[in-house]
Amino acid sequence: MTPEEDAAITADALLDSDNPPIEDDACLMPLDRPFDRIEGEQTNVRVDRETVERFRRAGDDWEERINAILREAAPAE
């Protein structure tokens, strides 16, 4: 990557409020769970921040709980 390309990527990243840059002195920790814990296709769904935060505060299994609620609420085939 050229310095110009790096600068352009950094400039774009700084404009993204949902993805702030990592500080140089940040202590990065590995995830304590694998990404593939939930079986199935990965997809993106927009959920408001307050809802996600409520699930996160209730425990580390928040993604599994959201998935279970969606599965139950899905229309029958």
N, C-alpha and C. Protein backbone atom coordinates (compact mmCIF):
# COMPACT_ATOMS: atom_id res chain seq x y z
N MET A 1 0.84 -1.17 0.00
CA MET A 1 0.00 0.00 0.00
C MET A 1 0.89 1.24 0.00
N THR A 2 0.53 2.17 -0.81
CA THR A 2 1.32 3.41 -0.86
C THR A 2 0.91 4.33 0.28
N PRO A 3 1.76 5.27 0.64
CA PRO A 3 1.38 6.24 1.68
C PRO A 3 0.12 7.03 1.31
N GLU A 4 -0.07 7.29 0.03
CA GLU A 4 -1.26 8.02 -0.40
C GLU A 4 -2.52 7.18 -0.19
N GLU A 5 -2.43 5.89 -0.54
CA GLU A 5 -3.57 5.01 -0.33
C GLU A 5 -3.89 4.88 1.16
N ASP A 6 -2.86 4.75 1.97
CA ASP A 6 -3.05 4.66 3.42
C ASP A 6 -3.72 5.93 3.95
N ALA A 7 -3.27 7.08 3.49
CA ALA A 7 -3.86 8.35 3.93
C ALA A 7 -5.33 8.45 3.52
N ALA A 8 -5.66 7.99 2.32
CA ALA A 8 -7.04 8.04 1.85
C ALA A 8 -7.93 7.13 2.68
N ILE A 9 -7.45 5.93 2.98
CA ILE A 9 -8.22 4.99 3.80
C ILE A 9 -8.41 5.56 5.20
N THR A 10 -7.35 6.11 5.77
CA THR A 10 -7.44 6.70 7.10
C THR A 10 -8.42 7.86 7.12
N ALA A 11 -8.38 8.72 6.11
CA ALA A 11 -9.30 9.85 6.04
C ALA A 11 -10.75 9.37 5.98
N ASP A 12 -11.03 8.33 5.18
CA ASP A 12 -12.38 7.78 5.11
C ASP A 12 -12.80 7.18 6.45
N ALA A 13 -11.90 6.47 7.10
CA ALA A 13 -12.22 5.84 8.39
C ALA A 13 -12.54 6.89 9.45
N LEU A 14 -11.85 8.01 9.43
CA LEU A 14 -12.09 9.06 10.42
C LEU A 14 -13.47 9.68 10.27
N LEU A 15 -14.09 9.57 9.09
CA LEU A 15 -15.42 10.10 8.85
C LEU A 15 -16.52 9.13 9.31
N ASP A 16 -16.15 7.90 9.64
CA ASP A 16 -17.12 6.87 10.02
C ASP A 16 -17.28 6.85 11.54
N SER A 17 -18.36 7.44 12.04
CA SER A 17 -18.56 7.54 13.49
C SER A 17 -18.84 6.18 14.13
N ASP A 18 -19.26 5.18 13.35
CA ASP A 18 -19.51 3.85 13.90
C ASP A 18 -18.24 3.01 13.97
N ASN A 19 -17.15 3.52 13.44
CA ASN A 19 -15.92 2.75 13.40
C ASN A 19 -14.74 3.66 13.70
N PRO A 20 -14.62 4.12 14.96
CA PRO A 20 -13.54 5.05 15.28
C PRO A 20 -12.18 4.37 15.17
N PRO A 21 -11.14 5.14 14.91
CA PRO A 21 -9.81 4.54 14.80
C PRO A 21 -9.34 3.99 16.14
N ILE A 22 -8.49 3.00 16.07
CA ILE A 22 -7.90 2.41 17.27
C ILE A 22 -6.70 3.25 17.67
N GLU A 23 -6.66 3.62 18.93
CA GLU A 23 -5.54 4.41 19.43
C GLU A 23 -4.26 3.59 19.37
N ASP A 24 -3.12 4.25 19.18
CA ASP A 24 -1.84 3.55 19.08
C ASP A 24 -1.50 2.77 20.35
N ASP A 25 -1.94 3.27 21.51
CA ASP A 25 -1.62 2.59 22.76
C ASP A 25 -2.74 1.67 23.25
N ALA A 26 -3.70 1.35 22.36
CA ALA A 26 -4.82 0.50 22.74
C ALA A 26 -4.34 -0.92 23.03
N CYS A 27 -4.95 -1.52 24.00
CA CYS A 27 -4.66 -2.92 24.34
C CYS A 27 -5.73 -3.78 23.68
N LEU A 28 -5.37 -4.49 22.65
CA LEU A 28 -6.33 -5.31 21.92
C LEU A 28 -6.41 -6.68 22.56
N MET A 29 -7.63 -7.13 22.78
CA MET A 29 -7.86 -8.42 23.43
C MET A 29 -8.50 -9.37 22.43
N PRO A 30 -8.12 -10.63 22.45
CA PRO A 30 -8.78 -11.58 21.56
C PRO A 30 -10.22 -11.82 22.02
N LEU A 31 -11.08 -12.17 21.08
CA LEU A 31 -12.45 -12.50 21.43
C LEU A 31 -12.46 -13.74 22.30
N ASP A 32 -13.35 -13.78 23.28
CA ASP A 32 -13.43 -14.94 24.14
C ASP A 32 -14.41 -15.97 23.62
N ARG A 33 -14.82 -15.79 22.37
CA ARG A 33 -15.68 -16.79 21.73
C ARG A 33 -15.44 -16.76 20.23
N PRO A 34 -15.60 -17.88 19.57
CA PRO A 34 -15.40 -17.92 18.12
C PRO A 34 -16.56 -17.26 17.38
N PHE A 35 -16.29 -16.77 16.18
CA PHE A 35 -17.33 -16.14 15.38
C PHE A 35 -18.40 -17.13 14.94
N ASP A 36 -18.04 -18.38 14.77
CA ASP A 36 -18.97 -19.35 14.21
C ASP A 36 -19.82 -20.04 15.27
N ARG A 37 -20.00 -19.44 16.43
CA ARG A 37 -20.79 -20.05 17.49
C ARG A 37 -22.25 -20.18 17.07
N ILE A 38 -22.74 -19.23 16.29
CA ILE A 38 -24.10 -19.32 15.77
C ILE A 38 -24.01 -19.93 14.38
N GLU A 39 -24.69 -21.05 14.22
CA GLU A 39 -24.67 -21.68 12.90
C GLU A 39 -25.61 -20.95 11.97
N GLY A 40 -25.29 -20.97 10.71
CA GLY A 40 -26.16 -20.36 9.72
C GLY A 40 -25.43 -19.30 8.93
N GLU A 41 -26.18 -18.72 8.03
CA GLU A 41 -25.63 -17.69 7.15
C GLU A 41 -25.47 -16.38 7.90
N GLN A 42 -24.36 -15.72 7.70
CA GLN A 42 -24.16 -14.41 8.31
C GLN A 42 -24.84 -13.37 7.44
N THR A 43 -25.56 -12.47 8.07
CA THR A 43 -26.25 -11.41 7.36
C THR A 43 -26.24 -10.15 8.21
N ASN A 44 -26.54 -9.04 7.63
CA ASN A 44 -26.61 -7.78 8.36
C ASN A 44 -28.05 -7.35 8.49
N VAL A 45 -28.43 -6.98 9.71
CA VAL A 45 -29.77 -6.48 9.99
C VAL A 45 -29.62 -5.21 10.80
N ARG A 46 -30.34 -4.18 10.43
CA ARG A 46 -30.27 -2.92 11.19
C ARG A 46 -31.19 -3.02 12.41
N VAL A 47 -30.58 -2.85 13.57
CA VAL A 47 -31.32 -2.85 14.83
C VAL A 47 -30.89 -1.60 15.57
N ASP A 48 -31.84 -0.89 16.17
CA ASP A 48 -31.45 0.36 16.81
C ASP A 48 -30.49 0.09 17.98
N ARG A 49 -29.63 1.05 18.22
CA ARG A 49 -28.54 0.93 19.19
C ARG A 49 -29.06 0.60 20.59
N GLU A 50 -30.16 1.23 21.01
CA GLU A 50 -30.70 1.00 22.34
C GLU A 50 -31.11 -0.46 22.53
N THR A 51 -31.72 -1.05 21.51
CA THR A 51 -32.14 -2.45 21.60
C THR A 51 -30.93 -3.37 21.74
N VAL A 52 -29.92 -3.14 20.91
CA VAL A 52 -28.71 -3.97 20.98
C VAL A 52 -28.05 -3.83 22.35
N GLU A 53 -27.95 -2.61 22.85
CA GLU A 53 -27.33 -2.39 24.15
C GLU A 53 -28.08 -3.08 25.27
N ARG A 54 -29.41 -3.11 25.20
CA ARG A 54 -30.20 -3.81 26.22
C ARG A 54 -29.89 -5.29 26.20
N PHE A 55 -29.78 -5.88 25.01
CA PHE A 55 -29.43 -7.30 24.91
C PHE A 55 -28.01 -7.54 25.43
N ARG A 56 -27.07 -6.68 25.07
CA ARG A 56 -25.68 -6.84 25.50
C ARG A 56 -25.55 -6.77 27.02
N ARG A 57 -26.28 -5.84 27.64
CA ARG A 57 -26.21 -5.71 29.10
C ARG A 57 -26.75 -6.94 29.80
N ALA A 58 -27.62 -7.68 29.15
CA ALA A 58 -28.23 -8.86 29.77
C ALA A 58 -27.35 -10.11 29.69
N GLY A 59 -26.22 -10.05 28.98
CA GLY A 59 -25.33 -11.20 28.95
C GLY A 59 -24.60 -11.38 27.65
N ASP A 60 -23.52 -12.18 27.74
CA ASP A 60 -22.66 -12.42 26.58
C ASP A 60 -23.34 -13.19 25.46
N ASP A 61 -24.44 -13.86 25.76
CA ASP A 61 -25.12 -14.65 24.73
C ASP A 61 -26.17 -13.83 23.99
N TRP A 62 -25.97 -12.52 23.92
CA TRP A 62 -26.98 -11.63 23.36
C TRP A 62 -27.32 -11.95 21.92
N GLU A 63 -26.35 -12.35 21.12
CA GLU A 63 -26.63 -12.67 19.71
C GLU A 63 -27.51 -13.91 19.60
N GLU A 64 -27.23 -14.91 20.43
CA GLU A 64 -28.04 -16.12 20.41
C GLU A 64 -29.48 -15.83 20.83
N ARG A 65 -29.64 -14.94 21.83
CA ARG A 65 -30.98 -14.60 22.29
C ARG A 65 -31.75 -13.83 21.23
N ILE A 66 -31.10 -12.92 20.54
CA ILE A 66 -31.77 -12.20 19.45
C ILE A 66 -32.18 -13.19 18.36
N ASN A 67 -31.30 -14.11 18.03
CA ASN A 67 -31.59 -15.10 17.00
C ASN A 67 -32.79 -15.96 17.40
N ALA A 68 -32.86 -16.38 18.67
CA ALA A 68 -33.97 -17.20 19.15
C ALA A 68 -35.29 -16.43 19.07
N ILE A 69 -35.26 -15.15 19.44
CA ILE A 69 -36.49 -14.34 19.39
C ILE A 69 -36.95 -14.16 17.95
N LEU A 70 -36.02 -13.91 17.04
CA LEU A 70 -36.37 -13.75 15.63
C LEU A 70 -36.92 -15.06 15.05
N ARG A 71 -36.30 -16.18 15.43
CA ARG A 71 -36.76 -17.48 14.95
C ARG A 71 -38.19 -17.73 15.38
N GLU A 72 -38.49 -17.40 16.65
CA GLU A 72 -39.85 -17.62 17.17
C GLU A 72 -40.86 -16.67 16.51
N ALA A 73 -40.46 -15.46 16.21
CA ALA A 73 -41.36 -14.46 15.63
C ALA A 73 -41.52 -14.60 14.12
N ALA A 74 -40.65 -15.38 13.48
CA ALA A 74 -40.72 -15.53 12.02
C ALA A 74 -42.03 -16.19 11.62
N PRO A 75 -42.60 -15.75 10.50
CA PRO A 75 -43.85 -16.35 10.04
C PRO A 75 -43.67 -17.83 9.72
N ALA A 76 -44.71 -18.61 9.93
CA ALA A 76 -44.66 -20.04 9.61
C ALA A 76 -44.55 -20.19 8.10
N GLU A 77 -43.93 -21.29 7.71
CA GLU A 77 -43.77 -21.54 6.27
C GLU A 77 -45.06 -22.01 5.65
